[in-house]
């Protein structure tokens, strides 16, 4: 990686700019696709998701690339944004969601949805693209640009902790309901998963492994392939849903869902331990 030395003010300014570029990619696609599909009728909502998420992924990466190369005169690789997927990264991308799903299956019950084969294929495709969009772009922002900018000025400890806290806070607007316990759980779990992704990024000297793990996690835990929720909190038409019998927020994750549950937190700690142990 090329070494770059920015002043404190320039570091903070660039962190803000990359945040704005991240949001601008989504906003630009909202304007384009919402306008387009207000006059064009698609055969199903999954098609809208597929096209919009693909557009958002490509446009946001383009925004990142233009600013990095044309204004900062750096390469994406200077921020650890390279394709260097390792075998251990693939293994962890399977281990983490598998651990959480199996743990919930032990204490809950699963139900399969009733959808046609063609609808199932569309749901799977839309889910994959949605998971990739979030996994790649969030890792580029938090563990790519922000983490490397902070590391360049203040070292690794702050570079790991601060983006991880920001990562958790950025997900607060996604909560379905707000309680003190729910927000605390989200901040703890969100910060921990951010630390986990940061450790993986440093372990692989690239964001590619954590982007893969992040995308696989989202595919299993966030999209319409699988919902883990209570009977009272069921929504949409997932292919599979796991119904939690308890309303305890340590299991439900409160307003954010199972990603903030104690089971998920144990999964994050498990992966952190594996990465540190094998460093």
Protein backbone atom coordinates (compact mmCIF):
# COMPACT_ATOMS: atom_id res chain seq x y z
CA UNK A 1 0.00 0.00 0.00
CA UNK A 2 1.17 3.51 -0.77
CA UNK A 3 1.86 5.57 2.35
CA UNK A 4 -0.12 8.81 2.58
CA UNK A 5 0.08 11.44 5.29
CA UNK A 6 -2.89 13.69 5.90
CA UNK A 7 -3.41 16.32 8.58
CA UNK A 8 -6.03 15.75 11.26
CA UNK A 9 -8.47 18.11 9.55
CA UNK A 10 -8.00 16.38 6.20
CA UNK A 11 -8.51 12.95 7.78
CA UNK A 12 -11.81 14.06 9.35
CA UNK A 13 -12.89 15.82 6.15
CA UNK A 14 -12.23 12.71 4.07
CA UNK A 15 -14.14 10.52 6.54
CA UNK A 16 -17.13 12.83 6.11
CA UNK A 17 -16.76 12.90 2.33
CA UNK A 18 -16.69 9.09 2.08
CA UNK A 19 -19.81 8.93 4.25
CA UNK A 20 -21.50 11.40 1.91
CA UNK A 21 -20.42 9.42 -1.16
CA UNK A 22 -21.81 6.26 0.44
CA UNK A 23 -25.17 7.91 1.03
CA UNK A 24 -25.10 9.63 -2.36
CA UNK A 25 -24.87 6.33 -4.20
CA UNK A 26 -28.06 5.10 -2.55
CA UNK A 27 -29.84 8.43 -2.99
CA UNK A 28 -28.89 8.66 -6.67
CA UNK A 29 -30.27 5.22 -7.35
CA UNK A 30 -33.45 5.96 -5.42
CA UNK A 31 -34.10 8.97 -7.63
CA UNK A 32 -33.29 7.12 -10.84
CA UNK A 33 -35.13 3.88 -10.18
CA UNK A 34 -38.10 5.33 -8.31
CA UNK A 35 -38.61 7.74 -11.18
CA UNK A 36 -38.15 5.04 -13.80
CA UNK A 37 -40.46 2.53 -12.19
CA UNK A 38 -43.15 5.09 -11.48
CA UNK A 39 -43.92 4.85 -15.20
CA UNK A 40 -42.65 1.33 -15.93
CA UNK A 41 -44.40 -1.65 -14.38
CA UNK A 42 -42.24 -4.59 -13.33
CA UNK A 43 -43.58 -8.16 -13.03
CA UNK A 44 -42.67 -8.34 -9.33
CA UNK A 45 -41.06 -6.44 -6.46
CA UNK A 46 -37.98 -8.69 -6.59
CA UNK A 47 -37.08 -7.24 -9.99
CA UNK A 48 -37.06 -3.74 -8.51
CA UNK A 49 -34.75 -4.94 -5.72
CA UNK A 50 -32.42 -6.70 -8.17
CA UNK A 51 -32.07 -3.68 -10.45
CA UNK A 52 -31.90 -1.04 -7.73
CA UNK A 53 -29.38 -2.87 -5.54
CA UNK A 54 -27.17 -3.66 -8.54
CA UNK A 55 -27.28 -0.02 -9.60
CA UNK A 56 -26.51 1.20 -6.08
CA UNK A 57 -23.52 -1.15 -5.78
CA UNK A 58 -22.00 -0.09 -9.09
CA UNK A 59 -22.70 3.65 -8.77
CA UNK A 60 -21.36 3.88 -5.21
CA UNK A 61 -18.18 2.01 -6.13
CA UNK A 62 -17.80 4.43 -9.06
CA UNK A 63 -18.18 7.42 -6.71
CA UNK A 64 -15.58 5.94 -4.36
CA UNK A 65 -13.18 5.24 -7.24
CA UNK A 66 -13.50 8.70 -8.82
CA UNK A 67 -12.87 10.55 -5.54
CA UNK A 68 -9.99 8.27 -4.49
CA UNK A 69 -8.13 8.25 -7.79
CA UNK A 70 -8.93 11.68 -9.22
CA UNK A 71 -8.97 13.83 -6.08
CA UNK A 72 -6.72 12.04 -3.58
CA UNK A 73 -4.54 10.55 -6.34
CA UNK A 74 -4.51 7.20 -4.56
CA UNK A 75 -5.64 3.70 -5.46
CA UNK A 76 -8.41 1.69 -3.86
CA UNK A 77 -5.70 -0.82 -2.93
CA UNK A 78 -4.10 1.86 -0.74
CA UNK A 79 -7.15 1.44 1.53
CA UNK A 80 -7.03 -2.36 1.52
CA UNK A 81 -9.75 -2.60 -1.14
CA UNK A 82 -8.47 -5.58 -3.11
CA UNK A 83 -9.67 -9.05 -4.04
CA UNK A 84 -7.70 -11.46 -1.86
CA UNK A 85 -10.22 -13.97 -0.56
CA UNK A 86 -8.57 -16.65 1.57
CA UNK A 87 -9.75 -20.17 2.32
CA UNK A 88 -10.10 -19.30 6.02
CA UNK A 89 -12.31 -16.36 5.01
CA UNK A 90 -14.62 -18.71 3.12
CA UNK A 91 -14.70 -21.05 6.13
CA UNK A 92 -15.60 -18.23 8.54
CA UNK A 93 -18.31 -16.97 6.19
CA UNK A 94 -20.01 -20.36 6.59
CA UNK A 95 -19.19 -20.92 10.27
CA UNK A 96 -20.67 -17.70 11.67
CA UNK A 97 -24.21 -17.86 10.24
CA UNK A 98 -24.29 -21.65 10.63
CA UNK A 99 -23.48 -21.38 14.35
CA UNK A 100 -26.21 -18.78 14.94
CA UNK A 101 -28.88 -20.56 12.87
CA UNK A 102 -28.20 -23.96 14.49
CA UNK A 103 -28.30 -22.39 17.96
CA UNK A 104 -31.69 -20.81 17.22
CA UNK A 105 -32.99 -24.05 15.71
CA UNK A 106 -32.17 -25.88 18.94
CA UNK A 107 -34.37 -23.56 21.02
CA UNK A 108 -36.99 -22.60 18.42
CA UNK A 109 -39.03 -24.07 15.60
CA UNK A 110 -38.70 -23.61 11.85
CA UNK A 111 -41.42 -23.17 9.25
CA UNK A 112 -41.11 -23.21 5.46
CA UNK A 113 -42.91 -20.66 3.35
CA UNK A 114 -45.14 -21.56 0.43
CA UNK A 115 -43.90 -19.93 -2.77
CA UNK A 116 -43.65 -21.08 -6.36
CA UNK A 117 -40.33 -22.25 -7.77
CA UNK A 118 -40.01 -19.16 -10.00
CA UNK A 119 -40.71 -16.82 -7.06
CA UNK A 120 -38.20 -18.72 -4.93
CA UNK A 121 -35.48 -18.21 -7.56
CA UNK A 122 -36.24 -14.48 -7.74
CA UNK A 123 -36.15 -14.18 -3.94
CA UNK A 124 -32.77 -15.94 -3.84
CA UNK A 125 -31.30 -13.73 -6.60
CA UNK A 126 -32.65 -10.55 -5.00
CA UNK A 127 -31.32 -11.67 -1.62
CA UNK A 128 -27.84 -12.40 -2.99
CA UNK A 129 -27.58 -9.00 -4.67
CA UNK A 130 -28.93 -7.20 -1.58
CA UNK A 131 -26.43 -9.02 0.63
CA UNK A 132 -23.51 -8.24 -1.70
CA UNK A 133 -24.48 -4.58 -1.96
CA UNK A 134 -24.52 -4.07 1.80
CA UNK A 135 -21.53 -6.29 2.53
CA UNK A 136 -19.22 -4.81 -0.09
CA UNK A 137 -20.13 -1.13 0.29
CA UNK A 138 -20.19 -1.10 4.11
CA UNK A 139 -16.82 -2.84 4.27
CA UNK A 140 -15.35 -0.44 1.71
CA UNK A 141 -16.54 2.49 3.81
CA UNK A 142 -15.86 1.35 7.39
CA UNK A 143 -12.98 -1.15 7.10
CA UNK A 144 -11.53 0.36 3.92
CA UNK A 145 -11.53 4.13 3.81
CA UNK A 146 -12.36 5.11 7.40
CA UNK A 147 -10.23 2.49 9.14
CA UNK A 148 -7.17 3.08 6.98
CA UNK A 149 -7.47 6.87 7.22
CA UNK A 150 -7.63 6.71 11.02
CA UNK A 151 -4.81 4.16 11.20
CA UNK A 152 -2.60 6.43 9.14
CA UNK A 153 -2.98 9.19 11.71
CA UNK A 154 -3.66 7.52 15.08
CA UNK A 155 -2.69 3.84 14.80
CA UNK A 156 -4.56 0.53 14.77
CA UNK A 157 -6.34 0.54 18.17
CA UNK A 158 -8.35 3.68 17.39
CA UNK A 159 -8.70 2.62 13.76
CA UNK A 160 -10.40 -0.58 14.92
CA UNK A 161 -12.56 0.87 17.70
CA UNK A 162 -13.91 4.14 16.26
CA UNK A 163 -15.25 2.80 12.92
CA UNK A 164 -16.77 -0.12 14.85
CA UNK A 165 -18.69 2.24 17.14
CA UNK A 166 -19.74 4.34 14.14
CA UNK A 167 -20.85 1.13 12.41
CA UNK A 168 -23.14 0.28 15.33
CA UNK A 169 -24.56 3.81 15.57
CA UNK A 170 -25.23 3.89 11.82
CA UNK A 171 -27.62 0.95 12.25
CA UNK A 172 -29.78 2.58 14.93
CA UNK A 173 -32.19 4.10 12.35
CA UNK A 174 -32.86 0.52 11.12
CA UNK A 175 -34.41 -0.47 14.45
CA UNK A 176 -38.12 -1.29 14.28
CA UNK A 177 -38.72 -0.09 17.85
CA UNK A 178 -36.61 1.88 20.28
CA UNK A 179 -35.96 0.91 23.88
CA UNK A 180 -32.96 1.56 26.10
CA UNK A 181 -32.19 -2.15 26.28
CA UNK A 182 -32.54 -2.55 22.52
CA UNK A 183 -30.21 0.35 21.74
CA UNK A 184 -27.63 -0.90 24.25
CA UNK A 185 -27.74 -4.39 22.70
CA UNK A 186 -27.33 -2.93 19.22
CA UNK A 187 -24.36 -0.77 20.20
CA UNK A 188 -22.65 -3.70 21.93
CA UNK A 189 -23.31 -6.20 19.14
CA UNK A 190 -22.69 -3.69 16.34
CA UNK A 191 -19.40 -2.56 17.84
CA UNK A 192 -18.32 -6.15 18.40
CA UNK A 193 -19.10 -7.24 14.85
CA UNK A 194 -17.24 -4.13 13.63
CA UNK A 195 -14.19 -5.16 15.68
CA UNK A 196 -14.54 -8.67 14.24
CA UNK A 197 -14.55 -7.35 10.66
CA UNK A 198 -11.58 -5.09 11.44
CA UNK A 199 -9.53 -7.99 12.81
CA UNK A 200 -10.37 -10.02 9.70
CA UNK A 201 -9.35 -7.11 7.44
CA UNK A 202 -5.97 -6.83 9.15
CA UNK A 203 -5.54 -10.61 9.16
CA UNK A 204 -6.05 -10.78 5.40
CA UNK A 205 -4.51 -7.37 4.60
CA UNK A 206 -7.63 -6.71 2.53
CA UNK A 207 -11.35 -6.05 3.00
CA UNK A 208 -12.24 -8.92 0.68
CA UNK A 209 -12.55 -11.59 3.40
CA UNK A 210 -14.70 -9.46 5.71
CA UNK A 211 -16.80 -8.34 2.72
CA UNK A 212 -17.43 -12.01 1.93
CA UNK A 213 -18.30 -12.83 5.56
CA UNK A 214 -20.47 -9.71 5.84
CA UNK A 215 -22.33 -10.58 2.62
CA UNK A 216 -22.88 -14.19 3.63
CA UNK A 217 -24.10 -13.08 7.06
CA UNK A 218 -26.57 -10.66 5.47
CA UNK A 219 -27.72 -13.31 2.99
CA UNK A 220 -28.61 -15.73 5.77
CA UNK A 221 -29.68 -13.38 8.54
CA UNK A 222 -31.13 -10.27 6.89
CA UNK A 223 -32.78 -11.12 3.58
CA UNK A 224 -36.05 -12.91 2.78
CA UNK A 225 -34.33 -16.29 2.64
CA UNK A 226 -34.56 -16.63 6.42
CA UNK A 227 -36.27 -14.64 9.17
CA UNK A 228 -35.55 -15.29 12.84
CA UNK A 229 -38.27 -13.62 14.86
CA UNK A 230 -41.13 -14.11 17.30
CA UNK A 231 -44.60 -15.11 16.15
CA UNK A 232 -45.76 -11.57 16.94
CA UNK A 233 -42.94 -10.08 14.90
CA UNK A 234 -43.37 -12.07 11.69
CA UNK A 235 -43.37 -10.01 8.53
CA UNK A 236 -43.06 -10.53 4.78
CA UNK A 237 -42.93 -13.93 3.11
CA UNK A 238 -39.52 -15.50 3.81
CA UNK A 239 -38.59 -18.88 2.36
CA UNK A 240 -37.90 -20.11 5.90
CA UNK A 241 -38.62 -18.59 9.28
CA UNK A 242 -37.48 -19.58 12.74
CA UNK A 243 -40.00 -18.60 15.41
CA UNK A 244 -38.58 -17.75 18.83
CA UNK A 245 -40.94 -18.71 21.64
CA UNK A 246 -39.46 -16.25 24.16
CA UNK A 247 -39.75 -12.45 24.18
CA UNK A 248 -36.50 -12.07 26.12
CA UNK A 249 -34.50 -9.33 24.38
CA UNK A 250 -31.29 -11.35 24.77
CA UNK A 251 -32.82 -13.82 22.31
CA UNK A 252 -34.86 -11.50 20.11
CA UNK A 253 -32.29 -8.69 19.93
CA UNK A 254 -35.12 -6.26 20.77
CA UNK A 255 -35.85 -3.68 18.07
CA UNK A 256 -32.96 -4.66 15.80
CA UNK A 257 -33.57 -8.40 15.65
CA UNK A 258 -31.53 -11.55 16.02
CA UNK A 259 -28.30 -9.93 14.79
CA UNK A 260 -28.16 -8.16 18.17
CA UNK A 261 -29.07 -11.25 20.19
CA UNK A 262 -26.84 -12.91 22.76
CA UNK A 263 -26.47 -15.90 20.42
CA UNK A 264 -25.14 -13.65 17.65
CA UNK A 265 -22.82 -11.89 20.10
CA UNK A 266 -21.37 -15.28 21.11
CA UNK A 267 -20.86 -15.98 17.39
CA UNK A 268 -18.96 -12.71 16.92
CA UNK A 269 -16.77 -13.47 19.94
CA UNK A 270 -16.10 -16.96 18.57
CA UNK A 271 -14.90 -15.60 15.24
CA UNK A 272 -12.79 -12.90 16.96
CA UNK A 273 -11.15 -15.62 19.04
CA UNK A 274 -10.42 -17.77 15.97
CA UNK A 275 -8.89 -14.81 14.09
CA UNK A 276 -6.73 -13.74 17.05
CA UNK A 277 -5.67 -17.33 17.84
CA UNK A 278 -4.56 -17.99 14.25
CA UNK A 279 -2.89 -14.62 13.68
